[in-house]
Each structure stands twice: as structure tokens, then as C-alpha cells.
Amino acid sequence: MHQAIAALVEAAATVTPSPTSGPDPELVTPGPWGFVAIAFLAFAVVFLIWDMMRRIRRARFRSEIDEELDAEEAAARQAEEAERTTDTDDQDVDPRR
């Protein structure tokens, strides 16, 4: 067992040579097609954000208009109800009293 551990330590202690040349710089750069792809993605993201903001603004504006219309309808219903109540009260009053 001692001999096996000694052999492993000795094998780990030997230095392995490192490569002297690196990869070819032309092979690791993105090149013009990489630039085109990244520019297209950036343009697409900007366009999508712009479109999303436009739709959010439109939806918010529509909801505000809907709220105003609902408030006007409620006010008209209240006015109609008040008028009907007033007419009913006037008709029920005995003029001789």
C-alpha cells in the first residue's frame, strides 16, 4: 500500500509540458457575422421594448376612458333615480293638505 501511494505522489509531482502556441486569433473572434447578429438582437430588443411601452400606454388610456364613462353612466342613473323619486313623491302628496 505504501508503494502505491508513493507511486501516485511521484506521478503527480512530474511536470507536464504546457502548449507553447495559443489558438489562432482569427478563429476565436466573432468576426463581422457575429457583430451583425448582436446588432440585430439589440435592435429587436429595443423595438420590442418600444412596442410594449406603446401598448401599455394605450391600455392605460383606455382604462381611464372606461372609468370616466362608467362614472358618467352612474351619475346619469343616479340623476334619473332622483328624478323618478321626486316625481313619485310629488304625485303622492295630497294637494288639499
C-alpha atoms as a PDB file:
ATOM      1  CA  MET A   1       0.000   0.000   0.000  1.00  0.00           C
ATOM      2  CA  HIS A   2       2.889   2.282   0.814  1.00  0.00           C
ATOM      3  CA  GLN A   3       4.409   1.694  -2.575  1.00  0.00           C
ATOM      4  CA  ALA A   4       1.139   2.567  -4.382  1.00  0.00           C
ATOM      5  CA  ILE A   5       0.836   5.896  -2.552  1.00  0.00           C
ATOM      6  CA  ALA A   6       4.484   6.679  -3.258  1.00  0.00           C
ATOM      7  CA  ALA A   7       3.945   5.940  -6.955  1.00  0.00           C
ATOM      8  CA  LEU A   8       0.895   8.260  -7.067  1.00  0.00           C
ATOM      9  CA  VAL A   9       2.796  11.069  -5.360  1.00  0.00           C
ATOM     10  CA  GLU A  10       5.694  10.626  -7.738  1.00  0.00           C
ATOM     11  CA  ALA A  11       3.366  10.653 -10.774  1.00  0.00           C
ATOM     12  CA  ALA A  12       1.633  13.804  -9.538  1.00  0.00           C
ATOM     13  CA  ALA A  13       4.945  15.554  -8.975  1.00  0.00           C
ATOM     14  CA  THR A  14       6.108  15.221 -12.578  1.00  0.00           C
ATOM     15  CA  VAL A  15       5.605  18.379 -14.582  1.00  0.00           C
ATOM     16  CA  THR A  16       3.567  18.151 -17.785  1.00  0.00           C
ATOM     17  CA  PRO A  17       4.619  20.462 -20.572  1.00  0.00           C
ATOM     18  CA  SER A  18       2.234  23.280 -21.460  1.00  0.00           C
ATOM     19  CA  PRO A  19       1.495  24.136 -25.079  1.00  0.00           C
ATOM     20  CA  THR A  20       3.663  26.940 -26.388  1.00  0.00           C
ATOM     21  CA  SER A  21       1.292  28.285 -29.039  1.00  0.00           C
ATOM     22  CA  GLY A  22      -2.248  29.571 -28.368  1.00  0.00           C
ATOM     23  CA  PRO A  23      -5.264  29.307 -30.633  1.00  0.00           C
ATOM     24  CA  ASP A  24      -5.360  31.210 -33.891  1.00  0.00           C
ATOM     25  CA  PRO A  25      -6.799  34.715 -33.168  1.00  0.00           C
ATOM     26  CA  GLU A  26      -8.867  34.603 -36.390  1.00  0.00           C
ATOM     27  CA  LEU A  27     -10.697  31.507 -35.168  1.00  0.00           C
ATOM     28  CA  VAL A  28     -11.742  32.909 -31.800  1.00  0.00           C
ATOM     29  CA  THR A  29     -13.056  36.346 -32.848  1.00  0.00           C
ATOM     30  CA  PRO A  30     -16.736  36.751 -33.711  1.00  0.00           C
ATOM     31  CA  GLY A  31     -15.981  38.498 -36.976  1.00  0.00           C
ATOM     32  CA  PRO A  32     -18.433  40.582 -38.968  1.00  0.00           C
ATOM     33  CA  TRP A  33     -21.235  37.998 -38.778  1.00  0.00           C
ATOM     34  CA  GLY A  34     -21.051  37.986 -35.008  1.00  0.00           C
ATOM     35  CA  PHE A  35     -21.338  41.770 -34.996  1.00  0.00           C
ATOM     36  CA  VAL A  36     -24.349  41.606 -37.335  1.00  0.00           C
ATOM     37  CA  ALA A  37     -26.060  39.023 -35.135  1.00  0.00           C
ATOM     38  CA  ILE A  38     -25.523  41.059 -31.943  1.00  0.00           C
ATOM     39  CA  ALA A  39     -26.640  44.282 -33.648  1.00  0.00           C
ATOM     40  CA  PHE A  40     -29.808  42.549 -34.891  1.00  0.00           C
ATOM     41  CA  LEU A  41     -30.578  41.237 -31.401  1.00  0.00           C
ATOM     42  CA  ALA A  42     -30.038  44.695 -29.887  1.00  0.00           C
ATOM     43  CA  PHE A  43     -32.335  46.280 -32.489  1.00  0.00           C
ATOM     44  CA  ALA A  44     -35.007  43.623 -31.889  1.00  0.00           C
ATOM     45  CA  VAL A  45     -34.894  44.157 -28.105  1.00  0.00           C
ATOM     46  CA  VAL A  46     -35.161  47.949 -28.462  1.00  0.00           C
ATOM     47  CA  PHE A  47     -38.091  47.575 -30.875  1.00  0.00           C
ATOM     48  CA  LEU A  48     -39.909  45.140 -28.580  1.00  0.00           C
ATOM     49  CA  ILE A  49     -39.476  47.416 -25.567  1.00  0.00           C
ATOM     50  CA  TRP A  50     -40.738  50.408 -27.559  1.00  0.00           C
ATOM     51  CA  ASP A  51     -43.780  48.457 -28.774  1.00  0.00           C
ATOM     52  CA  MET A  52     -44.538  47.147 -25.275  1.00  0.00           C
ATOM     53  CA  MET A  53     -44.448  50.670 -23.801  1.00  0.00           C
ATOM     54  CA  ARG A  54     -46.791  51.918 -26.544  1.00  0.00           C
ATOM     55  CA  ARG A  55     -49.279  49.134 -25.814  1.00  0.00           C
ATOM     56  CA  ILE A  56     -49.119  49.723 -22.051  1.00  0.00           C
ATOM     57  CA  ARG A  57     -49.767  53.439 -22.574  1.00  0.00           C
ATOM     58  CA  ARG A  58     -52.716  52.672 -24.851  1.00  0.00           C
ATOM     59  CA  ALA A  59     -54.222  50.205 -22.373  1.00  0.00           C
ATOM     60  CA  ARG A  60     -53.845  52.685 -19.504  1.00  0.00           C
ATOM     61  CA  PHE A  61     -55.533  55.418 -21.567  1.00  0.00           C
ATOM     62  CA  ARG A  62     -58.400  53.096 -22.484  1.00  0.00           C
ATOM     63  CA  SER A  63     -58.937  52.099 -18.856  1.00  0.00           C
ATOM     64  CA  GLU A  64     -59.084  55.775 -17.834  1.00  0.00           C
ATOM     65  CA  ILE A  65     -61.705  56.446 -20.519  1.00  0.00           C
ATOM     66  CA  ASP A  66     -63.705  53.392 -19.399  1.00  0.00           C
ATOM     67  CA  GLU A  67     -63.649  54.644 -15.805  1.00  0.00           C
ATOM     68  CA  GLU A  68     -64.876  58.083 -16.907  1.00  0.00           C
ATOM     69  CA  LEU A  69     -67.686  56.549 -18.961  1.00  0.00           C
ATOM     70  CA  ASP A  70     -68.713  54.312 -16.065  1.00  0.00           C
ATOM     71  CA  ALA A  71     -68.770  57.326 -13.731  1.00  0.00           C
ATOM     72  CA  GLU A  72     -70.928  59.283 -16.206  1.00  0.00           C
ATOM     73  CA  GLU A  73     -73.345  56.356 -16.525  1.00  0.00           C
ATOM     74  CA  ALA A  74     -73.584  56.018 -12.748  1.00  0.00           C
ATOM     75  CA  ALA A  75     -74.242  59.753 -12.393  1.00  0.00           C
ATOM     76  CA  ALA A  76     -76.925  59.594 -15.083  1.00  0.00           C
ATOM     77  CA  ARG A  77     -78.572  56.637 -13.342  1.00  0.00           C
ATOM     78  CA  GLN A  78     -78.495  58.461 -10.011  1.00  0.00           C
ATOM     79  CA  ALA A  79     -79.993  61.577 -11.583  1.00  0.00           C
ATOM     80  CA  GLU A  80     -82.709  59.509 -13.245  1.00  0.00           C
ATOM     81  CA  GLU A  81     -83.437  57.712  -9.971  1.00  0.00           C
ATOM     82  CA  ALA A  82     -83.553  61.013  -8.080  1.00  0.00           C
ATOM     83  CA  GLU A  83     -85.932  62.486 -10.671  1.00  0.00           C
ATOM     84  CA  ARG A  84     -88.164  59.431 -10.547  1.00  0.00           C
ATOM     85  CA  THR A  85     -88.208  59.542  -6.749  1.00  0.00           C
ATOM     86  CA  THR A  86     -89.051  63.243  -6.799  1.00  0.00           C
ATOM     87  CA  ASP A  87     -91.874  62.675  -9.304  1.00  0.00           C
ATOM     88  CA  THR A  88     -93.274  59.852  -7.213  1.00  0.00           C
ATOM     89  CA  ASP A  89     -93.161  61.901  -4.040  1.00  0.00           C
ATOM     90  CA  ASP A  90     -94.944  64.821  -5.733  1.00  0.00           C
ATOM     91  CA  GLN A  91     -97.692  62.600  -7.057  1.00  0.00           C
ATOM     92  CA  ASP A  92     -98.306  61.012  -3.673  1.00  0.00           C
ATOM     93  CA  VAL A  93     -98.804  64.341  -1.911  1.00  0.00           C
ATOM     94  CA  ASP A  94    -102.409  65.259  -1.359  1.00  0.00           C
ATOM     95  CA  PRO A  95    -102.865  68.864  -2.561  1.00  0.00           C
ATOM     96  CA  ARG A  96    -105.700  69.509  -0.055  1.00  0.00           C
ATOM     97  CA  ARG A  97    -103.424  69.158   2.939  1.00  0.00           C
END
